[in-house]
Amino acid sequence: MLESMGQVVRVGNNSTLNLEPDTREEAERLYAALSDGGQDAAGLSPMPWGSLWGTCLDRFGVRWMFNVALEG
């Protein structure tokens, strides 16, 4: 977080765990389970670099990032 841009370090944005599932289905399953009862930050969406990407904050305040290569 950048204090110079008005961002404040707090639980949920001070660290992120990155998951790189093998399939879109596994990413969607994990995202649904971890975001249940938490707060979505960015839903899973196709990205220009050829991956499905998204983040969520789980109900315990842990931030998760998902990145799965799309076939194509």
PDB file of N, CA and C in Angstrom:
ATOM      1  N   MET A   1       0.846  -1.166   0.000  1.00  0.00           N
ATOM      2  CA  MET A   1       0.000   0.000   0.000  1.00  0.00           C
ATOM      3  C   MET A   1       0.900   1.239   0.000  1.00  0.00           C
ATOM      4  N   LEU A   2       0.444   2.252  -0.673  1.00  0.00           N
ATOM      5  CA  LEU A   2       1.223   3.482  -0.792  1.00  0.00           C
ATOM      6  C   LEU A   2       0.572   4.600   0.015  1.00  0.00           C
ATOM      7  N   GLU A   3       1.192   4.946   1.131  1.00  0.00           N
ATOM      8  CA  GLU A   3       0.664   6.031   1.946  1.00  0.00           C
ATOM      9  C   GLU A   3       0.598   7.332   1.166  1.00  0.00           C
ATOM     10  N   SER A   4       1.548   7.544   0.248  1.00  0.00           N
ATOM     11  CA  SER A   4       1.575   8.775  -0.545  1.00  0.00           C
ATOM     12  C   SER A   4       0.352   8.909  -1.450  1.00  0.00           C
ATOM     13  N   MET A   5      -0.363   7.792  -1.684  1.00  0.00           N
ATOM     14  CA  MET A   5      -1.563   7.816  -2.508  1.00  0.00           C
ATOM     15  C   MET A   5      -2.826   7.690  -1.649  1.00  0.00           C
ATOM     16  N   GLY A   6      -2.668   7.893  -0.348  1.00  0.00           N
ATOM     17  CA  GLY A   6      -3.806   7.842   0.551  1.00  0.00           C
ATOM     18  C   GLY A   6      -4.235   6.448   0.962  1.00  0.00           C
ATOM     19  N   GLN A   7      -3.447   5.441   0.624  1.00  0.00           N
ATOM     20  CA  GLN A   7      -3.780   4.071   0.995  1.00  0.00           C
ATOM     21  C   GLN A   7      -3.287   3.790   2.412  1.00  0.00           C
ATOM     22  N   VAL A   8      -4.049   3.011   3.144  1.00  0.00           N
ATOM     23  CA  VAL A   8      -3.727   2.698   4.528  1.00  0.00           C
ATOM     24  C   VAL A   8      -3.555   1.190   4.670  1.00  0.00           C
ATOM     25  N   VAL A   9      -2.466   0.764   5.294  1.00  0.00           N
ATOM     26  CA  VAL A   9      -2.247  -0.651   5.544  1.00  0.00           C
ATOM     27  C   VAL A   9      -3.182  -1.080   6.675  1.00  0.00           C
ATOM     28  N   ARG A  10      -3.942  -2.147   6.432  1.00  0.00           N
ATOM     29  CA  ARG A  10      -4.859  -2.690   7.429  1.00  0.00           C
ATOM     30  C   ARG A  10      -5.021  -4.184   7.162  1.00  0.00           C
ATOM     31  N   VAL A  11      -5.673  -4.874   8.070  1.00  0.00           N
ATOM     32  CA  VAL A  11      -5.935  -6.295   7.866  1.00  0.00           C
ATOM     33  C   VAL A  11      -6.696  -6.463   6.557  1.00  0.00           C
ATOM     34  N   GLY A  12      -6.213  -7.352   5.726  1.00  0.00           N
ATOM     35  CA  GLY A  12      -6.852  -7.605   4.437  1.00  0.00           C
ATOM     36  C   GLY A  12      -6.078  -7.056   3.263  1.00  0.00           C
ATOM     37  N   ASN A  13      -5.326  -5.981   3.444  1.00  0.00           N
ATOM     38  CA  ASN A  13      -4.557  -5.460   2.319  1.00  0.00           C
ATOM     39  C   ASN A  13      -3.057  -5.476   2.611  1.00  0.00           C
ATOM     40  N   ASN A  14      -2.668  -6.013   3.759  1.00  0.00           N
ATOM     41  CA  ASN A  14      -1.257  -6.024   4.115  1.00  0.00           C
ATOM     42  C   ASN A  14      -0.512  -7.230   3.554  1.00  0.00           C
ATOM     43  N   SER A  15      -1.238  -8.249   3.086  1.00  0.00           N
ATOM     44  CA  SER A  15      -0.620  -9.395   2.425  1.00  0.00           C
ATOM     45  C   SER A  15      -1.673 -10.094   1.565  1.00  0.00           C
ATOM     46  N   THR A  16      -1.219 -10.818   0.563  1.00  0.00           N
ATOM     47  CA  THR A  16      -2.118 -11.540  -0.334  1.00  0.00           C
ATOM     48  C   THR A  16      -1.514 -12.909  -0.614  1.00  0.00           C
ATOM     49  N   LEU A  17      -2.342 -13.941  -0.523  1.00  0.00           N
ATOM     50  CA  LEU A  17      -1.922 -15.289  -0.887  1.00  0.00           C
ATOM     51  C   LEU A  17      -2.357 -15.549  -2.323  1.00  0.00           C
ATOM     52  N   ASN A  18      -1.429 -16.003  -3.149  1.00  0.00           N
ATOM     53  CA  ASN A  18      -1.709 -16.238  -4.562  1.00  0.00           C
ATOM     54  C   ASN A  18      -1.947 -17.722  -4.812  1.00  0.00           C
ATOM     55  N   LEU A  19      -3.061 -18.025  -5.486  1.00  0.00           N
ATOM     56  CA  LEU A  19      -3.361 -19.395  -5.898  1.00  0.00           C
ATOM     57  C   LEU A  19      -3.366 -19.454  -7.415  1.00  0.00           C
ATOM     58  N   GLU A  20      -2.781 -20.516  -7.978  1.00  0.00           N
ATOM     59  CA  GLU A  20      -2.764 -20.712  -9.418  1.00  0.00           C
ATOM     60  C   GLU A  20      -3.308 -22.104  -9.736  1.00  0.00           C
ATOM     61  N   PRO A  21      -4.633 -22.253  -9.656  1.00  0.00           N
ATOM     62  CA  PRO A  21      -5.247 -23.559  -9.949  1.00  0.00           C
ATOM     63  C   PRO A  21      -4.978 -24.000 -11.384  1.00  0.00           C
ATOM     64  N   ASP A  22      -5.110 -25.298 -11.625  1.00  0.00           N
ATOM     65  CA  ASP A  22      -4.865 -25.857 -12.952  1.00  0.00           C
ATOM     66  C   ASP A  22      -6.015 -25.627 -13.927  1.00  0.00           C
ATOM     67  N   THR A  23      -7.232 -25.460 -13.398  1.00  0.00           N
ATOM     68  CA  THR A  23      -8.388 -25.314 -14.279  1.00  0.00           C
ATOM     69  C   THR A  23      -9.278 -24.154 -13.844  1.00  0.00           C
ATOM     70  N   ARG A  24     -10.065 -23.679 -14.788  1.00  0.00           N
ATOM     71  CA  ARG A  24     -11.042 -22.619 -14.503  1.00  0.00           C
ATOM     72  C   ARG A  24     -12.041 -23.099 -13.448  1.00  0.00           C
ATOM     73  N   GLU A  25     -12.482 -24.359 -13.576  1.00  0.00           N
ATOM     74  CA  GLU A  25     -13.452 -24.917 -12.639  1.00  0.00           C
ATOM     75  C   GLU A  25     -12.906 -24.919 -11.215  1.00  0.00           C
ATOM     76  N   GLU A  26     -11.651 -25.296 -11.046  1.00  0.00           N
ATOM     77  CA  GLU A  26     -11.033 -25.302  -9.714  1.00  0.00           C
ATOM     78  C   GLU A  26     -10.900 -23.879  -9.176  1.00  0.00           C
ATOM     79  N   ALA A  27     -10.547 -22.931 -10.024  1.00  0.00           N
ATOM     80  CA  ALA A  27     -10.457 -21.529  -9.593  1.00  0.00           C
ATOM     81  C   ALA A  27     -11.823 -21.027  -9.142  1.00  0.00           C
ATOM     82  N   GLU A  28     -12.866 -21.341  -9.898  1.00  0.00           N
ATOM     83  CA  GLU A  28     -14.220 -20.904  -9.539  1.00  0.00           C
ATOM     84  C   GLU A  28     -14.682 -21.543  -8.235  1.00  0.00           C
ATOM     85  N   ARG A  29     -14.352 -22.819  -8.031  1.00  0.00           N
ATOM     86  CA  ARG A  29     -14.724 -23.514  -6.797  1.00  0.00           C
ATOM     87  C   ARG A  29     -14.025 -22.888  -5.589  1.00  0.00           C
ATOM     88  N   LEU A  30     -12.721 -22.667  -5.715  1.00  0.00           N
ATOM     89  CA  LEU A  30     -11.961 -22.072  -4.614  1.00  0.00           C
ATOM     90  C   LEU A  30     -12.399 -20.639  -4.340  1.00  0.00           C
ATOM     91  N   TYR A  31     -12.629 -19.866  -5.395  1.00  0.00           N
ATOM     92  CA  TYR A  31     -13.072 -18.483  -5.233  1.00  0.00           C
ATOM     93  C   TYR A  31     -14.408 -18.445  -4.495  1.00  0.00           C
ATOM     94  N   ALA A  32     -15.334 -19.304  -4.892  1.00  0.00           N
ATOM     95  CA  ALA A  32     -16.646 -19.334  -4.242  1.00  0.00           C
ATOM     96  C   ALA A  32     -16.516 -19.698  -2.765  1.00  0.00           C
ATOM     97  N   ALA A  33     -15.694 -20.680  -2.461  1.00  0.00           N
ATOM     98  CA  ALA A  33     -15.529 -21.115  -1.067  1.00  0.00           C
ATOM     99  C   ALA A  33     -14.856 -20.038  -0.219  1.00  0.00           C
ATOM    100  N   LEU A  34     -13.807 -19.423  -0.740  1.00  0.00           N
ATOM    101  CA  LEU A  34     -13.064 -18.434   0.043  1.00  0.00           C
ATOM    102  C   LEU A  34     -13.775 -17.091   0.133  1.00  0.00           C
ATOM    103  N   SER A  35     -14.570 -16.745  -0.850  1.00  0.00           N
ATOM    104  CA  SER A  35     -15.267 -15.458  -0.804  1.00  0.00           C
ATOM    105  C   SER A  35     -16.589 -15.548  -0.038  1.00  0.00           C
ATOM    106  N   ASP A  36     -17.059 -16.776   0.265  1.00  0.00           N
ATOM    107  CA  ASP A  36     -18.314 -16.955   1.000  1.00  0.00           C
ATOM    108  C   ASP A  36     -18.196 -16.326   2.386  1.00  0.00           C
ATOM    109  N   GLY A  37     -19.027 -15.351   2.658  1.00  0.00           N
ATOM    110  CA  GLY A  37     -19.003 -14.667   3.949  1.00  0.00           C
ATOM    111  C   GLY A  37     -17.955 -13.576   4.037  1.00  0.00           C
ATOM    112  N   GLY A  38     -17.209 -13.367   2.967  1.00  0.00           N
ATOM    113  CA  GLY A  38     -16.187 -12.330   2.950  1.00  0.00           C
ATOM    114  C   GLY A  38     -16.608 -11.168   2.078  1.00  0.00           C
ATOM    115  N   GLN A  39     -15.622 -10.489   1.534  1.00  0.00           N
ATOM    116  CA  GLN A  39     -15.881  -9.344   0.677  1.00  0.00           C
ATOM    117  C   GLN A  39     -15.155  -9.532  -0.645  1.00  0.00           C
ATOM    118  N   ASP A  40     -15.893  -9.434  -1.734  1.00  0.00           N
ATOM    119  CA  ASP A  40     -15.262  -9.541  -3.049  1.00  0.00           C
ATOM    120  C   ASP A  40     -14.550  -8.240  -3.363  1.00  0.00           C
ATOM    121  N   ALA A  41     -13.376  -8.340  -3.902  1.00  0.00           N
ATOM    122  CA  ALA A  41     -12.653  -7.156  -4.352  1.00  0.00           C
ATOM    123  C   ALA A  41     -12.701  -7.082  -5.872  1.00  0.00           C
ATOM    124  N   ALA A  42     -12.447  -8.192  -6.521  1.00  0.00           N
ATOM    125  CA  ALA A  42     -12.481  -8.251  -7.986  1.00  0.00           C
ATOM    126  C   ALA A  42     -12.864  -9.671  -8.372  1.00  0.00           C
ATOM    127  N   GLY A  43     -14.039  -9.840  -8.952  1.00  0.00           N
ATOM    128  CA  GLY A  43     -14.487 -11.162  -9.359  1.00  0.00           C
ATOM    129  C   GLY A  43     -13.586 -11.755 -10.421  1.00  0.00           C
ATOM    130  N   LEU A  44     -13.678 -13.049 -10.606  1.00  0.00           N
ATOM    131  CA  LEU A  44     -12.871 -13.725 -11.614  1.00  0.00           C
ATOM    132  C   LEU A  44     -13.257 -13.249 -13.008  1.00  0.00           C
ATOM    133  N   SER A  45     -12.275 -12.764 -13.746  1.00  0.00           N
ATOM    134  CA  SER A  45     -12.500 -12.234 -15.093  1.00  0.00           C
ATOM    135  C   SER A  45     -11.317 -12.564 -15.987  1.00  0.00           C
ATOM    136  N   PRO A  46     -11.569 -12.760 -17.285  1.00  0.00           N
ATOM    137  CA  PRO A  46     -10.465 -12.957 -18.234  1.00  0.00           C
ATOM    138  C   PRO A  46      -9.619 -11.682 -18.314  1.00  0.00           C
ATOM    139  N   MET A  47      -8.320 -11.854 -18.355  1.00  0.00           N
ATOM    140  CA  MET A  47      -7.386 -10.731 -18.425  1.00  0.00           C
ATOM    141  C   MET A  47      -6.630 -10.737 -19.741  1.00  0.00           C
ATOM    142  N   PRO A  48      -6.085  -9.575 -20.145  1.00  0.00           N
ATOM    143  CA  PRO A  48      -5.361  -9.477 -21.416  1.00  0.00           C
ATOM    144  C   PRO A  48      -4.160 -10.411 -21.517  1.00  0.00           C
ATOM    145  N   TRP A  49      -3.596 -10.821 -20.394  1.00  0.00           N
ATOM    146  CA  TRP A  49      -2.420 -11.688 -20.435  1.00  0.00           C
ATOM    147  C   TRP A  49      -2.802 -13.170 -20.587  1.00  0.00           C
ATOM    148  N   GLY A  50      -4.092 -13.465 -20.810  1.00  0.00           N
ATOM    149  CA  GLY A  50      -4.512 -14.827 -21.110  1.00  0.00           C
ATOM    150  C   GLY A  50      -4.869 -15.668 -19.897  1.00  0.00           C
ATOM    151  N   SER A  51      -5.156 -15.021 -18.774  1.00  0.00           N
ATOM    152  CA  SER A  51      -5.512 -15.735 -17.562  1.00  0.00           C
ATOM    153  C   SER A  51      -6.865 -15.281 -17.045  1.00  0.00           C
ATOM    154  N   LEU A  52      -7.446 -16.125 -16.208  1.00  0.00           N
ATOM    155  CA  LEU A  52      -8.609 -15.749 -15.427  1.00  0.00           C
ATOM    156  C   LEU A  52      -8.043 -15.260 -14.102  1.00  0.00           C
ATOM    157  N   TRP A  53      -8.411 -14.049 -13.692  1.00  0.00           N
ATOM    158  CA  TRP A  53      -7.798 -13.436 -12.521  1.00  0.00           C
ATOM    159  C   TRP A  53      -8.867 -12.810 -11.637  1.00  0.00           C
ATOM    160  N   GLY A  54      -8.639 -12.820 -10.332  1.00  0.00           N
ATOM    161  CA  GLY A  54      -9.537 -12.159  -9.402  1.00  0.00           C
ATOM    162  C   GLY A  54      -8.977 -12.190  -7.996  1.00  0.00           C
ATOM    163  N   THR A  55      -9.568 -11.404  -7.110  1.00  0.00           N
ATOM    164  CA  THR A  55      -9.166 -11.379  -5.704  1.00  0.00           C
ATOM    165  C   THR A  55     -10.406 -11.364  -4.824  1.00  0.00           C
ATOM    166  N   CYS A  56     -10.234 -11.814  -3.593  1.00  0.00           N
ATOM    167  CA  CYS A  56     -11.301 -11.682  -2.604  1.00  0.00           C
ATOM    168  C   CYS A  56     -10.679 -11.614  -1.214  1.00  0.00           C
ATOM    169  N   LEU A  57     -11.454 -11.074  -0.307  1.00  0.00           N
ATOM    170  CA  LEU A  57     -11.088 -11.012   1.102  1.00  0.00           C
ATOM    171  C   LEU A  57     -12.003 -12.002   1.806  1.00  0.00           C
ATOM    172  N   ASP A  58     -11.429 -13.035   2.447  1.00  0.00           N
ATOM    173  CA  ASP A  58     -12.281 -14.047   3.074  1.00  0.00           C
ATOM    174  C   ASP A  58     -12.858 -13.535   4.400  1.00  0.00           C
ATOM    175  N   ARG A  59     -13.692 -14.338   5.019  1.00  0.00           N
ATOM    176  CA  ARG A  59     -14.382 -13.909   6.242  1.00  0.00           C
ATOM    177  C   ARG A  59     -13.444 -13.736   7.425  1.00  0.00           C
ATOM    178  N   PHE A  60     -12.192 -14.191   7.301  1.00  0.00           N
ATOM    179  CA  PHE A  60     -11.210 -14.050   8.369  1.00  0.00           C
ATOM    180  C   PHE A  60     -10.258 -12.874   8.133  1.00  0.00           C
ATOM    181  N   GLY A  61     -10.463 -12.148   7.027  1.00  0.00           N
ATOM    182  CA  GLY A  61      -9.617 -10.995   6.723  1.00  0.00           C
ATOM    183  C   GLY A  61      -8.373 -11.327   5.931  1.00  0.00           C
ATOM    184  N   VAL A  62      -8.323 -12.521   5.328  1.00  0.00           N
ATOM    185  CA  VAL A  62      -7.178 -12.927   4.503  1.00  0.00           C
ATOM    186  C   VAL A  62      -7.512 -12.631   3.046  1.00  0.00           C
ATOM    187  N   ARG A  63      -6.603 -11.952   2.349  1.00  0.00           N
ATOM    188  CA  ARG A  63      -6.796 -11.632   0.936  1.00  0.00           C
ATOM    189  C   ARG A  63      -6.218 -12.754   0.088  1.00  0.00           C
ATOM    190  N   TRP A  64      -7.002 -13.178  -0.919  1.00  0.00           N
ATOM    191  CA  TRP A  64      -6.620 -14.234  -1.854  1.00  0.00           C
ATOM    192  C   TRP A  64      -6.618 -13.679  -3.273  1.00  0.00           C
ATOM    193  N   MET A  65      -5.628 -14.083  -4.050  1.00  0.00           N
ATOM    194  CA  MET A  65      -5.566 -13.721  -5.467  1.00  0.00           C
ATOM    195  C   MET A  65      -5.536 -15.021  -6.264  1.00  0.00           C
ATOM    196  N   PHE A  66      -6.285 -15.036  -7.345  1.00  0.00           N
ATOM    197  CA  PHE A  66      -6.393 -16.213  -8.212  1.00  0.00           C
ATOM    198  C   PHE A  66      -5.882 -15.867  -9.598  1.00  0.00           C
ATOM    199  N   ASN A  67      -5.124 -16.769 -10.183  1.00  0.00           N
ATOM    200  CA  ASN A  67      -4.608 -16.582 -11.532  1.00  0.00           C
ATOM    201  C   ASN A  67      -4.530 -17.966 -12.165  1.00  0.00           C
ATOM    202  N   VAL A  68      -5.351 -18.191 -13.194  1.00  0.00           N
ATOM    203  CA  VAL A  68      -5.340 -19.487 -13.873  1.00  0.00           C
ATOM    204  C   VAL A  68      -5.242 -19.253 -15.366  1.00  0.00           C
ATOM    205  N   ALA A  69      -4.287 -19.901 -16.005  1.00  0.00           N
ATOM    206  CA  ALA A  69      -4.101 -19.758 -17.446  1.00  0.00           C
ATOM    207  C   ALA A  69      -5.307 -20.323 -18.187  1.00  0.00           C
ATOM    208  N   LEU A  70      -5.850 -19.550 -19.117  1.00  0.00           N
ATOM    209  CA  LEU A  70      -6.957 -20.020 -19.936  1.00  0.00           C
ATOM    210  C   LEU A  70      -6.419 -20.726 -21.157  1.00  0.00           C
ATOM    211  N   GLU A  71      -7.097 -21.783 -21.553  1.00  0.00           N
ATOM    212  CA  GLU A  71      -6.679 -22.512 -22.754  1.00  0.00           C
ATOM    213  C   GLU A  71      -6.952 -21.640 -23.983  1.00  0.00           C
ATOM    214  N   GLY A  72      -6.107 -21.754 -24.939  1.00  0.00           N
ATOM    215  CA  GLY A  72      -6.380 -21.005 -26.139  1.00  0.00           C
ATOM    216  C   GLY A  72      -5.168 -20.718 -26.866  1.00  0.00           C
TER     217      GLY A  72
END
